[in-house]
Amino acid sequence: MEYVAVLLPSVCLAVLFYFVIKAIFNVDRAEREAMARAEELQDAEDARNRGTAEEEKGEQEN
Protein backbone atom coordinates (compact mmCIF):
# COMPACT_ATOMS: atom_id res chain seq x y z
CA MET A 1 0.00 0.00 0.00
CA GLU A 2 2.96 2.29 0.52
CA TYR A 3 3.77 2.09 -3.18
CA VAL A 4 0.32 3.36 -4.11
CA ALA A 5 0.63 6.27 -1.69
CA VAL A 6 4.01 7.16 -3.16
CA LEU A 7 3.06 6.80 -6.85
CA LEU A 8 -0.50 8.17 -6.75
CA PRO A 9 0.47 11.89 -6.76
CA SER A 10 2.81 11.39 -9.71
CA VAL A 11 0.21 9.41 -11.64
CA CYS A 12 -2.46 12.05 -10.95
CA LEU A 13 -0.15 14.82 -12.14
CA ALA A 14 0.71 12.84 -15.26
CA VAL A 15 -2.99 12.37 -16.08
CA LEU A 16 -3.69 16.05 -15.44
CA PHE A 17 -0.72 17.03 -17.61
CA TYR A 18 -2.00 14.78 -20.42
CA PHE A 19 -5.44 16.43 -20.42
CA VAL A 20 -4.01 19.95 -20.26
CA ILE A 21 -1.68 19.30 -23.20
CA LYS A 22 -4.50 17.62 -25.13
CA ALA A 23 -6.73 20.65 -24.55
CA ILE A 24 -3.98 23.01 -25.69
CA PHE A 25 -3.47 21.04 -28.91
CA ASN A 26 -7.24 20.97 -29.57
CA VAL A 27 -7.48 24.74 -29.13
CA ASP A 28 -4.47 25.24 -31.40
CA ARG A 29 -5.99 23.00 -34.07
CA ALA A 30 -9.30 24.86 -33.90
CA GLU A 31 -7.51 28.21 -34.16
CA ARG A 32 -5.52 27.05 -37.18
CA GLU A 33 -8.72 25.85 -38.89
CA ALA A 34 -10.43 29.18 -38.15
CA MET A 35 -7.45 31.09 -39.51
CA ALA A 36 -7.45 28.95 -42.66
CA ARG A 37 -11.16 29.65 -43.20
CA ALA A 38 -10.61 33.37 -42.63
CA GLU A 39 -7.72 33.40 -45.11
CA GLU A 40 -9.82 31.57 -47.70
CA LEU A 41 -12.63 34.10 -47.29
CA GLN A 42 -10.15 36.98 -47.54
CA ASP A 43 -8.57 35.48 -50.66
CA ALA A 44 -11.99 35.06 -52.26
CA GLU A 45 -12.91 38.65 -51.41
CA ASP A 46 -9.59 39.91 -52.79
CA ALA A 47 -10.17 37.95 -56.01
CA ARG A 48 -13.66 39.46 -56.36
CA ASN A 49 -12.25 42.94 -55.76
CA ARG A 50 -9.53 42.40 -58.36
CA GLY A 51 -12.12 41.18 -60.85
CA THR A 52 -14.31 44.22 -60.21
CA ALA A 53 -11.34 46.57 -60.52
CA GLU A 54 -10.32 44.95 -63.81
CA GLU A 55 -13.87 45.26 -65.14
CA GLU A 56 -13.99 48.94 -64.21
CA LYS A 57 -10.58 49.49 -65.79
CA GLY A 58 -11.78 47.74 -68.97
CA GLU A 59 -14.89 49.89 -69.12
CA GLN A 60 -12.85 53.08 -68.71
CA GLU A 61 -10.59 52.13 -71.62
CA ASN A 62 -13.57 51.66 -73.96
C-alpha atoms as a PDB file:
ATOM      1  CA  MET A   1       0.000   0.000   0.000  1.00  0.00           C
ATOM      2  CA  GLU A   2       2.962   2.292   0.518  1.00  0.00           C
ATOM      3  CA  TYR A   3       3.771   2.087  -3.184  1.00  0.00           C
ATOM      4  CA  VAL A   4       0.321   3.363  -4.113  1.00  0.00           C
ATOM      5  CA  ALA A   5       0.628   6.273  -1.688  1.00  0.00           C
ATOM      6  CA  VAL A   6       4.013   7.157  -3.156  1.00  0.00           C
ATOM      7  CA  LEU A   7       3.065   6.795  -6.847  1.00  0.00           C
ATOM      8  CA  LEU A   8      -0.495   8.174  -6.748  1.00  0.00           C
ATOM      9  CA  PRO A   9       0.469  11.891  -6.759  1.00  0.00           C
ATOM     10  CA  SER A  10       2.805  11.386  -9.711  1.00  0.00           C
ATOM     11  CA  VAL A  11       0.207   9.409 -11.639  1.00  0.00           C
ATOM     12  CA  CYS A  12      -2.457  12.052 -10.948  1.00  0.00           C
ATOM     13  CA  LEU A  13      -0.148  14.815 -12.144  1.00  0.00           C
ATOM     14  CA  ALA A  14       0.712  12.836 -15.263  1.00  0.00           C
ATOM     15  CA  VAL A  15      -2.991  12.372 -16.081  1.00  0.00           C
ATOM     16  CA  LEU A  16      -3.689  16.052 -15.441  1.00  0.00           C
ATOM     17  CA  PHE A  17      -0.716  17.031 -17.612  1.00  0.00           C
ATOM     18  CA  TYR A  18      -2.003  14.780 -20.417  1.00  0.00           C
ATOM     19  CA  PHE A  19      -5.442  16.426 -20.422  1.00  0.00           C
ATOM     20  CA  VAL A  20      -4.012  19.946 -20.259  1.00  0.00           C
ATOM     21  CA  ILE A  21      -1.676  19.302 -23.196  1.00  0.00           C
ATOM     22  CA  LYS A  22      -4.503  17.622 -25.134  1.00  0.00           C
ATOM     23  CA  ALA A  23      -6.728  20.653 -24.553  1.00  0.00           C
ATOM     24  CA  ILE A  24      -3.975  23.015 -25.690  1.00  0.00           C
ATOM     25  CA  PHE A  25      -3.474  21.041 -28.912  1.00  0.00           C
ATOM     26  CA  ASN A  26      -7.237  20.970 -29.571  1.00  0.00           C
ATOM     27  CA  VAL A  27      -7.477  24.740 -29.128  1.00  0.00           C
ATOM     28  CA  ASP A  28      -4.475  25.237 -31.396  1.00  0.00           C
ATOM     29  CA  ARG A  29      -5.995  22.999 -34.071  1.00  0.00           C
ATOM     30  CA  ALA A  30      -9.304  24.856 -33.899  1.00  0.00           C
ATOM     31  CA  GLU A  31      -7.512  28.208 -34.158  1.00  0.00           C
ATOM     32  CA  ARG A  32      -5.524  27.049 -37.180  1.00  0.00           C
ATOM     33  CA  GLU A  33      -8.725  25.850 -38.889  1.00  0.00           C
ATOM     34  CA  ALA A  34     -10.432  29.175 -38.153  1.00  0.00           C
ATOM     35  CA  MET A  35      -7.454  31.094 -39.512  1.00  0.00           C
ATOM     36  CA  ALA A  36      -7.449  28.950 -42.657  1.00  0.00           C
ATOM     37  CA  ARG A  37     -11.165  29.646 -43.204  1.00  0.00           C
ATOM     38  CA  ALA A  38     -10.608  33.370 -42.633  1.00  0.00           C
ATOM     39  CA  GLU A  39      -7.723  33.401 -45.110  1.00  0.00           C
ATOM     40  CA  GLU A  40      -9.824  31.568 -47.703  1.00  0.00           C
ATOM     41  CA  LEU A  41     -12.628  34.104 -47.292  1.00  0.00           C
ATOM     42  CA  GLN A  42     -10.155  36.977 -47.543  1.00  0.00           C
ATOM     43  CA  ASP A  43      -8.574  35.482 -50.661  1.00  0.00           C
ATOM     44  CA  ALA A  44     -11.992  35.062 -52.259  1.00  0.00           C
ATOM     45  CA  GLU A  45     -12.909  38.654 -51.413  1.00  0.00           C
ATOM     46  CA  ASP A  46      -9.593  39.910 -52.795  1.00  0.00           C
ATOM     47  CA  ALA A  47     -10.171  37.947 -56.013  1.00  0.00           C
ATOM     48  CA  ARG A  48     -13.656  39.458 -56.357  1.00  0.00           C
ATOM     49  CA  ASN A  49     -12.252  42.940 -55.758  1.00  0.00           C
ATOM     50  CA  ARG A  50      -9.526  42.403 -58.363  1.00  0.00           C
ATOM     51  CA  GLY A  51     -12.120  41.185 -60.852  1.00  0.00           C
ATOM     52  CA  THR A  52     -14.309  44.215 -60.212  1.00  0.00           C
ATOM     53  CA  ALA A  53     -11.344  46.570 -60.518  1.00  0.00           C
ATOM     54  CA  GLU A  54     -10.318  44.947 -63.809  1.00  0.00           C
ATOM     55  CA  GLU A  55     -13.874  45.263 -65.143  1.00  0.00           C
ATOM     56  CA  GLU A  56     -13.990  48.945 -64.210  1.00  0.00           C
ATOM     57  CA  LYS A  57     -10.580  49.488 -65.790  1.00  0.00           C
ATOM     58  CA  GLY A  58     -11.780  47.744 -68.974  1.00  0.00           C
ATOM     59  CA  GLU A  59     -14.887  49.891 -69.118  1.00  0.00           C
ATOM     60  CA  GLN A  60     -12.852  53.076 -68.709  1.00  0.00           C
ATOM     61  CA  GLU A  61     -10.591  52.125 -71.621  1.00  0.00           C
ATOM     62  CA  ASN A  62     -13.574  51.663 -73.962  1.00  0.00           C
END
